[in-house]
C-alpha cells in the first residue's frame, strides 16, 4: 500500500498538505485517536493580551473585531478583563 490512492480520504488530504512521510508519522502516532483542532491557533490568554495592546496603540473595537475575526462584543469583553 505505497500509493496514497489506497489510503483513507483524510490521510490522502493530509498527504497533499504535509507530505506522505509526515502523514505516516501522524498515522503511527495518532491512529485510533479522535482529534479535534481548536478554531484558533493562538491561546486565548495571548489573544486577549494582543487585543488590549492593539487597542492601547489606537486600534478601534471595530478594526480589532475585523482583524481577529471576533464579534465587537467579544472585543469589549476582552478589554474589560
PDB file of N, CA and C in Angstrom:
ATOM      1  N   UNK A   1       0.832  -1.197   0.000  1.00  0.00           N
ATOM      2  CA  UNK A   1       0.000   0.000   0.000  1.00  0.00           C
ATOM      3  C   UNK A   1       0.871   1.253   0.000  1.00  0.00           C
ATOM      4  N   UNK A   2       1.634   1.414  -1.006  1.00  0.00           N
ATOM      5  CA  UNK A   2       2.514   2.581  -1.099  1.00  0.00           C
ATOM      6  C   UNK A   2       1.811   3.768  -1.743  1.00  0.00           C
ATOM      7  N   UNK A   3       0.783   3.512  -2.503  1.00  0.00           N
ATOM      8  CA  UNK A   3       0.106   4.589  -3.211  1.00  0.00           C
ATOM      9  C   UNK A   3      -0.955   5.231  -2.332  1.00  0.00           C
ATOM     10  N   UNK A   4      -0.963   6.543  -2.315  1.00  0.00           N
ATOM     11  CA  UNK A   4      -1.919   7.257  -1.471  1.00  0.00           C
ATOM     12  C   UNK A   4      -3.360   7.072  -1.930  1.00  0.00           C
ATOM     13  N   UNK A   5      -3.546   6.636  -3.171  1.00  0.00           N
ATOM     14  CA  UNK A   5      -4.912   6.407  -3.655  1.00  0.00           C
ATOM     15  C   UNK A   5      -5.607   5.308  -2.839  1.00  0.00           C
ATOM     16  N   UNK A   6      -4.816   4.415  -2.230  1.00  0.00           N
ATOM     17  CA  UNK A   6      -5.383   3.335  -1.419  1.00  0.00           C
ATOM     18  C   UNK A   6      -5.699   3.795   0.003  1.00  0.00           C
ATOM     19  N   UNK A   7      -5.229   4.974   0.374  1.00  0.00           N
ATOM     20  CA  UNK A   7      -5.403   5.473   1.745  1.00  0.00           C
ATOM     21  C   UNK A   7      -6.811   6.010   1.972  1.00  0.00           C
ATOM     22  N   UNK A   8      -7.212   6.034   3.237  1.00  0.00           N
ATOM     23  CA  UNK A   8      -8.456   6.687   3.626  1.00  0.00           C
ATOM     24  C   UNK A   8      -8.379   8.149   3.183  1.00  0.00           C
ATOM     25  N   UNK A   9      -9.526   8.747   2.873  1.00  0.00           N
ATOM     26  CA  UNK A   9      -9.586  10.104   2.338  1.00  0.00           C
ATOM     27  C   UNK A   9      -8.871  11.123   3.237  1.00  0.00           C
ATOM     28  N   UNK A  10      -9.050  11.029   4.533  1.00  0.00           N
ATOM     29  CA  UNK A  10      -8.428  12.001   5.429  1.00  0.00           C
ATOM     30  C   UNK A  10      -6.901  11.944   5.317  1.00  0.00           C
ATOM     31  N   UNK A  11      -6.356  10.743   5.167  1.00  0.00           N
ATOM     32  CA  UNK A  11      -4.903  10.608   5.026  1.00  0.00           C
ATOM     33  C   UNK A  11      -4.427  11.095   3.656  1.00  0.00           C
ATOM     34  N   UNK A  12      -5.252  10.933   2.642  1.00  0.00           N
ATOM     35  CA  UNK A  12      -4.917  11.492   1.332  1.00  0.00           C
ATOM     36  C   UNK A  12      -4.825  13.020   1.421  1.00  0.00           C
ATOM     37  N   UNK A  13      -5.769  13.608   2.148  1.00  0.00           N
ATOM     38  CA  UNK A  13      -5.762  15.063   2.303  1.00  0.00           C
ATOM     39  C   UNK A  13      -4.532  15.515   3.088  1.00  0.00           C
ATOM     40  N   UNK A  14      -4.222  14.809   4.151  1.00  0.00           N
ATOM     41  CA  UNK A  14      -3.012  15.130   4.922  1.00  0.00           C
ATOM     42  C   UNK A  14      -1.775  15.038   4.023  1.00  0.00           C
ATOM     43  N   UNK A  15      -1.696  13.985   3.228  1.00  0.00           N
ATOM     44  CA  UNK A  15      -0.527  13.791   2.364  1.00  0.00           C
ATOM     45  C   UNK A  15      -0.357  14.949   1.386  1.00  0.00           C
ATOM     46  N   UNK A  16      -1.461  15.476   0.882  1.00  0.00           N
ATOM     47  CA  UNK A  16      -1.382  16.619  -0.022  1.00  0.00           C
ATOM     48  C   UNK A  16      -0.835  17.850   0.699  1.00  0.00           C
ATOM     49  N   UNK A  17      -1.149  17.989   1.977  1.00  0.00           N
ATOM     50  CA  UNK A  17      -0.769  19.186   2.729  1.00  0.00           C
ATOM     51  C   UNK A  17       0.614  19.055   3.358  1.00  0.00           C
ATOM     52  N   UNK A  18       0.883  17.904   4.002  1.00  0.00           N
ATOM     53  CA  UNK A  18       2.132  17.772   4.772  1.00  0.00           C
ATOM     54  C   UNK A  18       3.087  16.726   4.211  1.00  0.00           C
ATOM     55  N   UNK A  19       2.694  16.055   3.145  1.00  0.00           N
ATOM     56  CA  UNK A  19       3.557  15.045   2.537  1.00  0.00           C
ATOM     57  C   UNK A  19       3.287  13.642   3.063  1.00  0.00           C
ATOM     58  N   UNK A  20       3.710  12.647   2.277  1.00  0.00           N
ATOM     59  CA  UNK A  20       3.452  11.240   2.612  1.00  0.00           C
ATOM     60  C   UNK A  20       4.118  10.811   3.915  1.00  0.00           C
ATOM     61  N   UNK A  21       5.397  11.134   4.072  1.00  0.00           N
ATOM     62  CA  UNK A  21       6.128  10.675   5.264  1.00  0.00           C
ATOM     63  C   UNK A  21       5.562  11.277   6.541  1.00  0.00           C
ATOM     64  N   UNK A  22       5.231  12.569   6.500  1.00  0.00           N
ATOM     65  CA  UNK A  22       4.643  13.191   7.684  1.00  0.00           C
ATOM     66  C   UNK A  22       3.260  12.615   7.975  1.00  0.00           C
ATOM     67  N   UNK A  23       2.537  12.269   6.923  1.00  0.00           N
ATOM     68  CA  UNK A  23       1.232  11.638   7.109  1.00  0.00           C
ATOM     69  C   UNK A  23       1.394  10.278   7.778  1.00  0.00           C
ATOM     70  N   UNK A  24       2.419   9.526   7.365  1.00  0.00           N
ATOM     71  CA  UNK A  24       2.684   8.233   8.018  1.00  0.00           C
ATOM     72  C   UNK A  24       3.004   8.431   9.503  1.00  0.00           C
ATOM     73  N   UNK A  25       3.764   9.482   9.822  1.00  0.00           N
ATOM     74  CA  UNK A  25       4.082   9.777  11.228  1.00  0.00           C
ATOM     75  C   UNK A  25       2.818  10.109  12.022  1.00  0.00           C
ATOM     76  N   UNK A  26       1.951  10.918  11.426  1.00  0.00           N
ATOM     77  CA  UNK A  26       0.680  11.244  12.084  1.00  0.00           C
ATOM     78  C   UNK A  26      -0.113   9.966  12.313  1.00  0.00           C
ATOM     79  N   UNK A  27      -0.190   9.137  11.285  1.00  0.00           N
ATOM     80  CA  UNK A  27      -0.924   7.878  11.393  1.00  0.00           C
ATOM     81  C   UNK A  27      -0.358   6.996  12.504  1.00  0.00           C
ATOM     82  N   UNK A  28       0.943   6.809  12.506  1.00  0.00           N
ATOM     83  CA  UNK A  28       1.568   5.930  13.501  1.00  0.00           C
ATOM     84  C   UNK A  28       1.392   6.452  14.928  1.00  0.00           C
ATOM     85  N   UNK A  29       1.404   7.750  15.102  1.00  0.00           N
ATOM     86  CA  UNK A  29       1.332   8.326  16.442  1.00  0.00           C
ATOM     87  C   UNK A  29      -0.085   8.574  16.936  1.00  0.00           C
ATOM     88  N   UNK A  30      -1.045   8.707  16.019  1.00  0.00           N
ATOM     89  CA  UNK A  30      -2.398   9.086  16.437  1.00  0.00           C
ATOM     90  C   UNK A  30      -3.501   8.163  15.935  1.00  0.00           C
ATOM     91  N   UNK A  31      -3.168   7.051  15.288  1.00  0.00           N
ATOM     92  CA  UNK A  31      -4.216   6.170  14.756  1.00  0.00           C
ATOM     93  C   UNK A  31      -5.167   5.747  15.869  1.00  0.00           C
ATOM     94  N   UNK A  32      -6.444   5.791  15.545  1.00  0.00           N
ATOM     95  CA  UNK A  32      -7.465   5.413  16.504  1.00  0.00           C
ATOM     96  C   UNK A  32      -7.872   6.534  17.446  1.00  0.00           C
ATOM     97  N   UNK A  33      -7.184   7.645  17.397  1.00  0.00           N
ATOM     98  CA  UNK A  33      -7.473   8.771  18.281  1.00  0.00           C
ATOM     99  C   UNK A  33      -8.372   9.771  17.570  1.00  0.00           C
ATOM    100  N   UNK A  34      -9.366  10.284  18.273  1.00  0.00           N
ATOM    101  CA  UNK A  34     -10.187  11.348  17.732  1.00  0.00           C
ATOM    102  C   UNK A  34      -9.495  12.665  18.042  1.00  0.00           C
ATOM    103  N   UNK A  35      -9.253  13.431  17.001  1.00  0.00           N
ATOM    104  CA  UNK A  35      -8.558  14.706  17.160  1.00  0.00           C
ATOM    105  C   UNK A  35      -9.509  15.827  16.798  1.00  0.00           C
ATOM    106  N   UNK A  36      -9.580  16.825  17.670  1.00  0.00           N
ATOM    107  CA  UNK A  36     -10.403  18.000  17.427  1.00  0.00           C
ATOM    108  C   UNK A  36      -9.488  19.207  17.485  1.00  0.00           C
ATOM    109  N   UNK A  37      -9.309  19.876  16.353  1.00  0.00           N
ATOM    110  CA  UNK A  37      -8.422  21.029  16.312  1.00  0.00           C
ATOM    111  C   UNK A  37      -9.177  22.280  16.734  1.00  0.00           C
ATOM    112  N   UNK A  38      -8.607  23.066  17.642  1.00  0.00           N
ATOM    113  CA  UNK A  38      -9.253  24.326  18.024  1.00  0.00           C
ATOM    114  C   UNK A  38      -9.392  25.247  16.810  1.00  0.00           C
ATOM    115  N   UNK A  39     -10.372  26.125  16.874  1.00  0.00           N
ATOM    116  CA  UNK A  39     -10.606  27.052  15.772  1.00  0.00           C
ATOM    117  C   UNK A  39      -9.517  28.112  15.678  1.00  0.00           C
ATOM    118  N   UNK A  40      -8.826  28.343  16.770  1.00  0.00           N
ATOM    119  CA  UNK A  40      -7.767  29.352  16.792  1.00  0.00           C
ATOM    120  C   UNK A  40      -6.436  28.700  17.112  1.00  0.00           C
ATOM    121  N   UNK A  41      -5.401  29.173  16.460  1.00  0.00           N
ATOM    122  CA  UNK A  41      -4.054  28.671  16.697  1.00  0.00           C
ATOM    123  C   UNK A  41      -3.470  29.247  17.992  1.00  0.00           C
ATOM    124  N   UNK A  42      -3.816  30.501  18.277  1.00  0.00           N
ATOM    125  CA  UNK A  42      -3.254  31.222  19.423  1.00  0.00           C
ATOM    126  C   UNK A  42      -4.099  30.974  20.672  1.00  0.00           C
ATOM    127  N   UNK A  43      -3.413  30.817  21.819  1.00  0.00           N
ATOM    128  CA  UNK A  43      -4.106  30.643  23.095  1.00  0.00           C
ATOM    129  C   UNK A  43      -4.949  31.877  23.415  1.00  0.00           C
ATOM    130  N   UNK A  44      -6.046  31.680  24.104  1.00  0.00           N
ATOM    131  CA  UNK A  44      -6.965  32.765  24.453  1.00  0.00           C
ATOM    132  C   UNK A  44      -6.251  33.871  25.223  1.00  0.00           C
ATOM    133  N   UNK A  45      -5.422  33.497  26.196  1.00  0.00           N
ATOM    134  CA  UNK A  45      -4.735  34.489  27.032  1.00  0.00           C
ATOM    135  C   UNK A  45      -3.873  35.419  26.168  1.00  0.00           C
ATOM    136  N   UNK A  46      -3.193  34.854  25.195  1.00  0.00           N
ATOM    137  CA  UNK A  46      -2.337  35.638  24.300  1.00  0.00           C
ATOM    138  C   UNK A  46      -3.196  36.545  23.411  1.00  0.00           C
ATOM    139  N   UNK A  47      -4.334  36.028  22.945  1.00  0.00           N
ATOM    140  CA  UNK A  47      -5.226  36.820  22.110  1.00  0.00           C
ATOM    141  C   UNK A  47      -5.761  38.024  22.880  1.00  0.00           C
ATOM    142  N   UNK A  48      -6.179  37.811  24.133  1.00  0.00           N
ATOM    143  CA  UNK A  48      -6.684  38.907  24.966  1.00  0.00           C
ATOM    144  C   UNK A  48      -5.597  39.969  25.144  1.00  0.00           C
ATOM    145  N   UNK A  49      -4.384  39.539  25.441  1.00  0.00           N
ATOM    146  CA  UNK A  49      -3.270  40.473  25.623  1.00  0.00           C
ATOM    147  C   UNK A  49      -2.996  41.259  24.341  1.00  0.00           C
ATOM    148  N   UNK A  50      -3.053  40.595  23.213  1.00  0.00           N
ATOM    149  CA  UNK A  50      -2.823  41.245  21.924  1.00  0.00           C
ATOM    150  C   UNK A  50      -3.907  42.277  21.637  1.00  0.00           C
ATOM    151  N   UNK A  51      -5.155  41.913  21.874  1.00  0.00           N
ATOM    152  CA  UNK A  51      -6.268  42.835  21.650  1.00  0.00           C
ATOM    153  C   UNK A  51      -6.105  44.070  22.538  1.00  0.00           C
ATOM    154  N   UNK A  52      -5.776  43.872  23.799  1.00  0.00           N
ATOM    155  CA  UNK A  52      -5.594  45.003  24.712  1.00  0.00           C
ATOM    156  C   UNK A  52      -4.447  45.906  24.251  1.00  0.00           C
ATOM    157  N   UNK A  53      -3.347  45.301  23.855  1.00  0.00           N
ATOM    158  CA  UNK A  53      -2.191  46.082  23.410  1.00  0.00           C
ATOM    159  C   UNK A  53      -2.526  46.891  22.157  1.00  0.00           C
ATOM    160  N   UNK A  54      -3.170  46.246  21.187  1.00  0.00           N
ATOM    161  CA  UNK A  54      -3.508  46.935  19.942  1.00  0.00           C
ATOM    162  C   UNK A  54      -4.528  48.051  20.182  1.00  0.00           C
ATOM    163  N   UNK A  55      -5.434  47.825  21.120  1.00  0.00           N
ATOM    164  CA  UNK A  55      -6.418  48.863  21.473  1.00  0.00           C
ATOM    165  C   UNK A  55      -5.707  50.063  22.097  1.00  0.00           C
ATOM    166  N   UNK A  56      -4.762  49.784  22.981  1.00  0.00           N
ATOM    167  CA  UNK A  56      -3.998  50.865  23.614  1.00  0.00           C
ATOM    168  C   UNK A  56      -3.154  51.626  22.593  1.00  0.00           C
ATOM    169  N   UNK A  57      -2.788  50.963  21.519  1.00  0.00           N
ATOM    170  CA  UNK A  57      -1.991  51.596  20.466  1.00  0.00           C
ATOM    171  C   UNK A  57      -2.857  52.361  19.465  1.00  0.00           C
ATOM    172  N   UNK A  58      -4.165  52.370  19.698  1.00  0.00           N
ATOM    173  CA  UNK A  58      -5.042  53.195  18.881  1.00  0.00           C
ATOM    174  C   UNK A  58      -6.020  52.484  17.971  1.00  0.00           C
ATOM    175  N   UNK A  59      -5.996  51.178  17.922  1.00  0.00           N
ATOM    176  CA  UNK A  59      -6.949  50.454  17.072  1.00  0.00           C
ATOM    177  C   UNK A  59      -8.353  50.585  17.668  1.00  0.00           C
ATOM    178  N   UNK A  60      -9.340  50.664  16.807  1.00  0.00           N
ATOM    179  CA  UNK A  60     -10.722  50.737  17.281  1.00  0.00           C
ATOM    180  C   UNK A  60     -11.260  49.328  17.525  1.00  0.00           C
ATOM    181  N   UNK A  61     -12.358  49.269  18.263  1.00  0.00           N
ATOM    182  CA  UNK A  61     -13.005  47.976  18.520  1.00  0.00           C
ATOM    183  C   UNK A  61     -13.424  47.344  17.202  1.00  0.00           C
ATOM    184  N   UNK A  62     -13.944  48.150  16.307  1.00  0.00           N
ATOM    185  CA  UNK A  62     -14.370  47.632  15.002  1.00  0.00           C
ATOM    186  C   UNK A  62     -13.187  47.050  14.229  1.00  0.00           C
ATOM    187  N   UNK A  63     -12.072  47.770  14.190  1.00  0.00           N
ATOM    188  CA  UNK A  63     -10.879  47.282  13.494  1.00  0.00           C
ATOM    189  C   UNK A  63     -10.383  45.974  14.111  1.00  0.00           C
ATOM    190  N   UNK A  64     -10.382  45.912  15.437  1.00  0.00           N
ATOM    191  CA  UNK A  64      -9.921  44.698  16.123  1.00  0.00           C
ATOM    192  C   UNK A  64     -10.834  43.522  15.823  1.00  0.00           C
ATOM    193  N   UNK A  65     -12.125  43.785  15.773  1.00  0.00           N
ATOM    194  CA  UNK A  65     -13.066  42.685  15.501  1.00  0.00           C
ATOM    195  C   UNK A  65     -12.851  42.118  14.108  1.00  0.00           C
ATOM    196  N   UNK A  66     -12.547  42.984  13.151  1.00  0.00           N
ATOM    197  CA  UNK A  66     -12.295  42.517  11.786  1.00  0.00           C
ATOM    198  C   UNK A  66     -10.961  41.771  11.712  1.00  0.00           C
ATOM    199  N   UNK A  67      -9.919  42.367  12.290  1.00  0.00           N
ATOM    200  CA  UNK A  67      -8.587  41.767  12.220  1.00  0.00           C
ATOM    201  C   UNK A  67      -8.528  40.380  12.865  1.00  0.00           C
ATOM    202  N   UNK A  68      -9.208  40.236  14.005  1.00  0.00           N
ATOM    203  CA  UNK A  68      -9.120  38.975  14.758  1.00  0.00           C
ATOM    204  C   UNK A  68     -10.328  38.071  14.552  1.00  0.00           C
ATOM    205  N   UNK A  69     -11.240  38.470  13.667  1.00  0.00           N
ATOM    206  CA  UNK A  69     -12.451  37.704  13.342  1.00  0.00           C
ATOM    207  C   UNK A  69     -13.213  37.370  14.630  1.00  0.00           C
ATOM    208  N   UNK A  70     -13.527  38.426  15.364  1.00  0.00           N
ATOM    209  CA  UNK A  70     -14.283  38.310  16.605  1.00  0.00           C
ATOM    210  C   UNK A  70     -15.427  39.319  16.584  1.00  0.00           C
ATOM    211  N   UNK A  71     -16.477  39.028  17.317  1.00  0.00           N
ATOM    212  CA  UNK A  71     -17.571  39.989  17.453  1.00  0.00           C
ATOM    213  C   UNK A  71     -17.087  41.191  18.265  1.00  0.00           C
ATOM    214  N   UNK A  72     -17.635  42.359  17.978  1.00  0.00           N
ATOM    215  CA  UNK A  72     -17.271  43.542  18.747  1.00  0.00           C
ATOM    216  C   UNK A  72     -17.573  43.342  20.230  1.00  0.00           C
ATOM    217  N   UNK A  73     -18.637  42.623  20.505  1.00  0.00           N
ATOM    218  CA  UNK A  73     -18.986  42.316  21.903  1.00  0.00           C
ATOM    219  C   UNK A  73     -17.861  41.540  22.581  1.00  0.00           C
ATOM    220  N   UNK A  74     -17.247  40.614  21.863  1.00  0.00           N
ATOM    221  CA  UNK A  74     -16.136  39.829  22.400  1.00  0.00           C
ATOM    222  C   UNK A  74     -14.927  40.718  22.648  1.00  0.00           C
ATOM    223  N   UNK A  75     -14.670  41.643  21.746  1.00  0.00           N
ATOM    224  CA  UNK A  75     -13.556  42.585  21.922  1.00  0.00           C
ATOM    225  C   UNK A  75     -13.781  43.392  23.195  1.00  0.00           C
ATOM    226  N   UNK A  76     -14.996  43.904  23.384  1.00  0.00           N
ATOM    227  CA  UNK A  76     -15.303  44.662  24.606  1.00  0.00           C
ATOM    228  C   UNK A  76     -15.094  43.797  25.851  1.00  0.00           C
ATOM    229  N   UNK A  77     -15.515  42.559  25.776  1.00  0.00           N
ATOM    230  CA  UNK A  77     -15.336  41.639  26.903  1.00  0.00           C
ATOM    231  C   UNK A  77     -13.859  41.461  27.218  1.00  0.00           C
ATOM    232  N   UNK A  78     -13.044  41.267  26.189  1.00  0.00           N
ATOM    233  CA  UNK A  78     -11.599  41.110  26.388  1.00  0.00           C
ATOM    234  C   UNK A  78     -10.987  42.365  26.991  1.00  0.00           C
ATOM    235  N   UNK A  79     -11.442  43.534  26.543  1.00  0.00           N
ATOM    236  CA  UNK A  79     -10.888  44.780  27.048  1.00  0.00           C
ATOM    237  C   UNK A  79     -11.252  45.018  28.521  1.00  0.00           C
ATOM    238  N   UNK A  80     -12.350  44.427  28.953  1.00  0.00           N
ATOM    239  CA  UNK A  80     -12.789  44.604  30.345  1.00  0.00           C
ATOM    240  C   UNK A  80     -12.227  43.549  31.288  1.00  0.00           C
ATOM    241  N   UNK A  81     -11.478  42.622  30.759  1.00  0.00           N
ATOM    242  CA  UNK A  81     -10.881  41.578  31.618  1.00  0.00           C
ATOM    243  C   UNK A  81      -9.691  42.114  32.364  1.00  0.00           C
TER     244      UNK A  81
END
